[in-house]
Amino acid sequence: GVGAALVRAVEDAARALGLSAVDLHAQTHALGFYERLGYTEYGPEFMDAGIPHRAMRRAL
């Protein structure tokens, strides 16, 4: 639950700044974690530091 709590804290901070969405680059093995928190994949898979990633977004 610590990971989810950290993501929620970032979302709360983003809301406090008046942002309407949060975007992130998730390692592909972690997509399910972010999907369970309401994030949606967009765009093609890409490599970062030799690890496959996908861009994800969640509206706040």
PDB file of N, CA and C in Angstrom:
ATOM      1  N   GLY A   1       0.782  -1.201   0.000  1.00  0.00           N
ATOM      2  CA  GLY A   1       0.000   0.000   0.000  1.00  0.00           C
ATOM      3  C   GLY A   1       0.829   1.273   0.000  1.00  0.00           C
ATOM      4  N   VAL A   2       2.148   1.141   0.248  1.00  0.00           N
ATOM      5  CA  VAL A   2       2.995   2.330   0.309  1.00  0.00           C
ATOM      6  C   VAL A   2       3.093   2.993  -1.070  1.00  0.00           C
ATOM      7  N   GLY A   3       3.257   2.194  -2.124  1.00  0.00           N
ATOM      8  CA  GLY A   3       3.353   2.746  -3.472  1.00  0.00           C
ATOM      9  C   GLY A   3       2.100   3.518  -3.857  1.00  0.00           C
ATOM     10  N   ALA A   4       0.942   2.945  -3.583  1.00  0.00           N
ATOM     11  CA  ALA A   4      -0.325   3.614  -3.897  1.00  0.00           C
ATOM     12  C   ALA A   4      -0.461   4.903  -3.085  1.00  0.00           C
ATOM     13  N   ALA A   5      -0.046   4.879  -1.831  1.00  0.00           N
ATOM     14  CA  ALA A   5      -0.123   6.081  -0.999  1.00  0.00           C
ATOM     15  C   ALA A   5       0.780   7.185  -1.548  1.00  0.00           C
ATOM     16  N   LEU A   6       1.957   6.824  -2.053  1.00  0.00           N
ATOM     17  CA  LEU A   6       2.853   7.812  -2.639  1.00  0.00           C
ATOM     18  C   LEU A   6       2.252   8.427  -3.897  1.00  0.00           C
ATOM     19  N   VAL A   7       1.660   7.598  -4.749  1.00  0.00           N
ATOM     20  CA  VAL A   7       1.028   8.106  -5.969  1.00  0.00           C
ATOM     21  C   VAL A   7      -0.120   9.038  -5.602  1.00  0.00           C
ATOM     22  N   ARG A   8      -0.940   8.660  -4.637  1.00  0.00           N
ATOM     23  CA  ARG A   8      -2.056   9.517  -4.215  1.00  0.00           C
ATOM     24  C   ARG A   8      -1.555  10.843  -3.647  1.00  0.00           C
ATOM     25  N   ALA A   9      -0.438  10.822  -2.937  1.00  0.00           N
ATOM     26  CA  ALA A   9       0.120  12.065  -2.394  1.00  0.00           C
ATOM     27  C   ALA A   9       0.565  12.992  -3.530  1.00  0.00           C
ATOM     28  N   VAL A  10       1.164  12.429  -4.572  1.00  0.00           N
ATOM     29  CA  VAL A  10       1.558  13.238  -5.735  1.00  0.00           C
ATOM     30  C   VAL A  10       0.309  13.813  -6.407  1.00  0.00           C
ATOM     31  N   GLU A  11      -0.741  13.002  -6.535  1.00  0.00           N
ATOM     32  CA  GLU A  11      -1.990  13.483  -7.134  1.00  0.00           C
ATOM     33  C   GLU A  11      -2.591  14.618  -6.309  1.00  0.00           C
ATOM     34  N   ASP A  12      -2.569  14.483  -4.990  1.00  0.00           N
ATOM     35  CA  ASP A  12      -3.087  15.543  -4.122  1.00  0.00           C
ATOM     36  C   ASP A  12      -2.296  16.832  -4.306  1.00  0.00           C
ATOM     37  N   ALA A  13      -0.977  16.723  -4.414  1.00  0.00           N
ATOM     38  CA  ALA A  13      -0.133  17.894  -4.630  1.00  0.00           C
ATOM     39  C   ALA A  13      -0.435  18.531  -5.987  1.00  0.00           C
ATOM     40  N   ALA A  14      -0.662  17.700  -7.002  1.00  0.00           N
ATOM     41  CA  ALA A  14      -0.987  18.217  -8.333  1.00  0.00           C
ATOM     42  C   ALA A  14      -2.314  18.972  -8.304  1.00  0.00           C
ATOM     43  N   ARG A  15      -3.311  18.409  -7.611  1.00  0.00           N
ATOM     44  CA  ARG A  15      -4.605  19.095  -7.468  1.00  0.00           C
ATOM     45  C   ARG A  15      -4.432  20.445  -6.779  1.00  0.00           C
ATOM     46  N   ALA A  16      -3.615  20.469  -5.729  1.00  0.00           N
ATOM     47  CA  ALA A  16      -3.392  21.712  -4.983  1.00  0.00           C
ATOM     48  C   ALA A  16      -2.751  22.782  -5.868  1.00  0.00           C
ATOM     49  N   LEU A  17      -2.017  22.363  -6.891  1.00  0.00           N
ATOM     50  CA  LEU A  17      -1.402  23.294  -7.840  1.00  0.00           C
ATOM     51  C   LEU A  17      -2.354  23.668  -8.973  1.00  0.00           C
ATOM     52  N   GLY A  18      -3.555  23.085  -8.962  1.00  0.00           N
ATOM     53  CA  GLY A  18      -4.537  23.393  -9.984  1.00  0.00           C
ATOM     54  C   GLY A  18      -4.401  22.583 -11.261  1.00  0.00           C
ATOM     55  N   LEU A  19      -3.614  21.522 -11.229  1.00  0.00           N
ATOM     56  CA  LEU A  19      -3.454  20.682 -12.419  1.00  0.00           C
ATOM     57  C   LEU A  19      -4.691  19.817 -12.621  1.00  0.00           C
ATOM     58  N   SER A  20      -4.971  19.480 -13.864  1.00  0.00           N
ATOM     59  CA  SER A  20      -6.163  18.692 -14.170  1.00  0.00           C
ATOM     60  C   SER A  20      -5.852  17.235 -14.492  1.00  0.00           C
ATOM     61  N   ALA A  21      -4.556  16.886 -14.602  1.00  0.00           N
ATOM     62  CA  ALA A  21      -4.172  15.514 -14.916  1.00  0.00           C
ATOM     63  C   ALA A  21      -2.741  15.271 -14.461  1.00  0.00           C
ATOM     64  N   VAL A  22      -2.402  14.010 -14.311  1.00  0.00           N
ATOM     65  CA  VAL A  22      -1.030  13.586 -14.006  1.00  0.00           C
ATOM     66  C   VAL A  22      -0.604  12.636 -15.107  1.00  0.00           C
ATOM     67  N   ASP A  23       0.583  12.879 -15.674  1.00  0.00           N
ATOM     68  CA  ASP A  23       1.183  12.002 -16.670  1.00  0.00           C
ATOM     69  C   ASP A  23       2.424  11.373 -16.058  1.00  0.00           C
ATOM     70  N   LEU A  24       2.719  10.132 -16.463  1.00  0.00           N
ATOM     71  CA  LEU A  24       3.919   9.458 -15.990  1.00  0.00           C
ATOM     72  C   LEU A  24       4.414   8.496 -17.053  1.00  0.00           C
ATOM     73  N   HIS A  25       5.653   8.076 -16.893  1.00  0.00           N
ATOM     74  CA  HIS A  25       6.250   7.054 -17.751  1.00  0.00           C
ATOM     75  C   HIS A  25       6.469   5.826 -16.890  1.00  0.00           C
ATOM     76  N   ALA A  26       5.698   4.778 -17.163  1.00  0.00           N
ATOM     77  CA  ALA A  26       5.720   3.562 -16.353  1.00  0.00           C
ATOM     78  C   ALA A  26       6.518   2.468 -17.036  1.00  0.00           C
ATOM     79  N   GLN A  27       7.341   1.773 -16.263  1.00  0.00           N
ATOM     80  CA  GLN A  27       7.964   0.569 -16.785  1.00  0.00           C
ATOM     81  C   GLN A  27       6.849  -0.420 -17.108  1.00  0.00           C
ATOM     82  N   THR A  28       6.985  -1.141 -18.203  1.00  0.00           N
ATOM     83  CA  THR A  28       5.876  -1.982 -18.655  1.00  0.00           C
ATOM     84  C   THR A  28       5.481  -3.036 -17.631  1.00  0.00           C
ATOM     85  N   HIS A  29       6.400  -3.502 -16.824  1.00  0.00           N
ATOM     86  CA  HIS A  29       6.028  -4.514 -15.825  1.00  0.00           C
ATOM     87  C   HIS A  29       5.160  -3.928 -14.718  1.00  0.00           C
ATOM     88  N   ALA A  30       5.090  -2.582 -14.615  1.00  0.00           N
ATOM     89  CA  ALA A  30       4.298  -1.919 -13.574  1.00  0.00           C
ATOM     90  C   ALA A  30       2.981  -1.358 -14.103  1.00  0.00           C
ATOM     91  N   LEU A  31       2.625  -1.641 -15.358  1.00  0.00           N
ATOM     92  CA  LEU A  31       1.401  -1.070 -15.931  1.00  0.00           C
ATOM     93  C   LEU A  31       0.164  -1.425 -15.112  1.00  0.00           C
ATOM     94  N   GLY A  32       0.048  -2.656 -14.679  1.00  0.00           N
ATOM     95  CA  GLY A  32      -1.113  -3.084 -13.896  1.00  0.00           C
ATOM     96  C   GLY A  32      -1.277  -2.287 -12.613  1.00  0.00           C
ATOM     97  N   PHE A  33      -0.178  -1.992 -11.950  1.00  0.00           N
ATOM     98  CA  PHE A  33      -0.219  -1.187 -10.720  1.00  0.00           C
ATOM     99  C   PHE A  33      -0.865   0.164 -11.003  1.00  0.00           C
ATOM    100  N   TYR A  34      -0.398   0.848 -12.044  1.00  0.00           N
ATOM    101  CA  TYR A  34      -0.936   2.170 -12.365  1.00  0.00           C
ATOM    102  C   TYR A  34      -2.362   2.086 -12.913  1.00  0.00           C
ATOM    103  N   GLU A  35      -2.669   1.052 -13.665  1.00  0.00           N
ATOM    104  CA  GLU A  35      -4.039   0.882 -14.162  1.00  0.00           C
ATOM    105  C   GLU A  35      -5.017   0.748 -12.999  1.00  0.00           C
ATOM    106  N   ARG A  36      -4.619   0.009 -11.960  1.00  0.00           N
ATOM    107  CA  ARG A  36      -5.486  -0.147 -10.785  1.00  0.00           C
ATOM    108  C   ARG A  36      -5.707   1.185 -10.068  1.00  0.00           C
ATOM    109  N   LEU A  37      -4.799   2.137 -10.268  1.00  0.00           N
ATOM    110  CA  LEU A  37      -4.941   3.466  -9.662  1.00  0.00           C
ATOM    111  C   LEU A  37      -5.649   4.446 -10.589  1.00  0.00           C
ATOM    112  N   GLY A  38      -6.107   3.963 -11.749  1.00  0.00           N
ATOM    113  CA  GLY A  38      -6.900   4.803 -12.636  1.00  0.00           C
ATOM    114  C   GLY A  38      -6.148   5.404 -13.810  1.00  0.00           C
ATOM    115  N   TYR A  39      -4.911   5.012 -14.029  1.00  0.00           N
ATOM    116  CA  TYR A  39      -4.122   5.537 -15.144  1.00  0.00           C
ATOM    117  C   TYR A  39      -4.411   4.743 -16.414  1.00  0.00           C
ATOM    118  N   THR A  40      -4.304   5.433 -17.557  1.00  0.00           N
ATOM    119  CA  THR A  40      -4.558   4.844 -18.868  1.00  0.00           C
ATOM    120  C   THR A  40      -3.321   5.021 -19.738  1.00  0.00           C
ATOM    121  N   GLU A  41      -2.950   3.969 -20.446  1.00  0.00           N
ATOM    122  CA  GLU A  41      -1.802   4.023 -21.350  1.00  0.00           C
ATOM    123  C   GLU A  41      -2.131   4.853 -22.584  1.00  0.00           C
ATOM    124  N   TYR A  42      -1.120   5.523 -23.118  1.00  0.00           N
ATOM    125  CA  TYR A  42      -1.265   6.192 -24.417  1.00  0.00           C
ATOM    126  C   TYR A  42       0.095   6.207 -25.102  1.00  0.00           C
ATOM    127  N   GLY A  43       0.068   6.265 -26.410  1.00  0.00           N
ATOM    128  CA  GLY A  43       1.299   6.311 -27.186  1.00  0.00           C
ATOM    129  C   GLY A  43       1.998   4.967 -27.252  1.00  0.00           C
ATOM    130  N   PRO A  44       3.057   4.918 -28.046  1.00  0.00           N
ATOM    131  CA  PRO A  44       3.782   3.651 -28.240  1.00  0.00           C
ATOM    132  C   PRO A  44       4.708   3.341 -27.069  1.00  0.00           C
ATOM    133  N   GLU A  45       5.079   2.079 -26.962  1.00  0.00           N
ATOM    134  CA  GLU A  45       6.091   1.674 -25.993  1.00  0.00           C
ATOM    135  C   GLU A  45       7.420   2.299 -26.412  1.00  0.00           C
ATOM    136  N   PHE A  46       8.245   2.689 -25.438  1.00  0.00           N
ATOM    137  CA  PHE A  46       9.549   3.267 -25.729  1.00  0.00           C
ATOM    138  C   PHE A  46      10.553   2.772 -24.695  1.00  0.00           C
ATOM    139  N   MET A  47      11.807   2.896 -25.040  1.00  0.00           N
ATOM    140  CA  MET A  47      12.876   2.454 -24.153  1.00  0.00           C
ATOM    141  C   MET A  47      13.429   3.647 -23.381  1.00  0.00           C
ATOM    142  N   ASP A  48      13.665   3.459 -22.093  1.00  0.00           N
ATOM    143  CA  ASP A  48      14.309   4.452 -21.249  1.00  0.00           C
ATOM    144  C   ASP A  48      15.274   3.694 -20.356  1.00  0.00           C
ATOM    145  N   ALA A  49      16.545   4.036 -20.413  1.00  0.00           N
ATOM    146  CA  ALA A  49      17.580   3.360 -19.632  1.00  0.00           C
ATOM    147  C   ALA A  49      17.579   1.851 -19.900  1.00  0.00           C
ATOM    148  N   GLY A  50      17.252   1.476 -21.149  1.00  0.00           N
ATOM    149  CA  GLY A  50      17.255   0.062 -21.519  1.00  0.00           C
ATOM    150  C   GLY A  50      16.058  -0.725 -21.019  1.00  0.00           C
ATOM    151  N   ILE A  51      15.031  -0.033 -20.512  1.00  0.00           N
ATOM    152  CA  ILE A  51      13.844  -0.687 -19.953  1.00  0.00           C
ATOM    153  C   ILE A  51      12.624  -0.196 -20.736  1.00  0.00           C
ATOM    154  N   PRO A  52      11.736  -1.118 -21.188  1.00  0.00           N
ATOM    155  CA  PRO A  52      10.541  -0.669 -21.910  1.00  0.00           C
ATOM    156  C   PRO A  52       9.567   0.069 -20.997  1.00  0.00           C
ATOM    157  N   HIS A  53       9.011   1.169 -21.517  1.00  0.00           N
ATOM    158  CA  HIS A  53       8.084   2.037 -20.787  1.00  0.00           C
ATOM    159  C   HIS A  53       6.871   2.337 -21.654  1.00  0.00           C
ATOM    160  N   ARG A  54       5.808   2.789 -20.997  1.00  0.00           N
ATOM    161  CA  ARG A  54       4.621   3.357 -21.677  1.00  0.00           C
ATOM    162  C   ARG A  54       4.229   4.630 -20.949  1.00  0.00           C
ATOM    163  N   ALA A  55       3.780   5.617 -21.716  1.00  0.00           N
ATOM    164  CA  ALA A  55       3.235   6.828 -21.113  1.00  0.00           C
ATOM    165  C   ALA A  55       1.843   6.524 -20.581  1.00  0.00           C
ATOM    166  N   MET A  56       1.499   7.125 -19.447  1.00  0.00           N
ATOM    167  CA  MET A  56       0.191   6.924 -18.828  1.00  0.00           C
ATOM    168  C   MET A  56      -0.316   8.260 -18.306  1.00  0.00           C
ATOM    169  N   ARG A  57      -1.640   8.371 -18.212  1.00  0.00           N
ATOM    170  CA  ARG A  57      -2.270   9.611 -17.744  1.00  0.00           C
ATOM    171  C   ARG A  57      -3.497   9.276 -16.890  1.00  0.00           C
ATOM    172  N   ARG A  58      -3.736  10.139 -15.889  1.00  0.00           N
ATOM    173  CA  ARG A  58      -4.958  10.063 -15.084  1.00  0.00           C
ATOM    174  C   ARG A  58      -5.507  11.468 -14.887  1.00  0.00           C
ATOM    175  N   ALA A  59      -6.759  11.651 -15.253  1.00  0.00           N
ATOM    176  CA  ALA A  59      -7.408  12.936 -14.988  1.00  0.00           C
ATOM    177  C   ALA A  59      -7.673  13.064 -13.499  1.00  0.00           C
ATOM    178  N   LEU A  60      -7.525  14.275 -12.993  1.00  0.00           N
ATOM    179  CA  LEU A  60      -7.758  14.503 -11.566  1.00  0.00           C
ATOM    180  C   LEU A  60      -9.135  15.076 -11.323  1.00  0.00           C
TER     181      LEU A  60
END
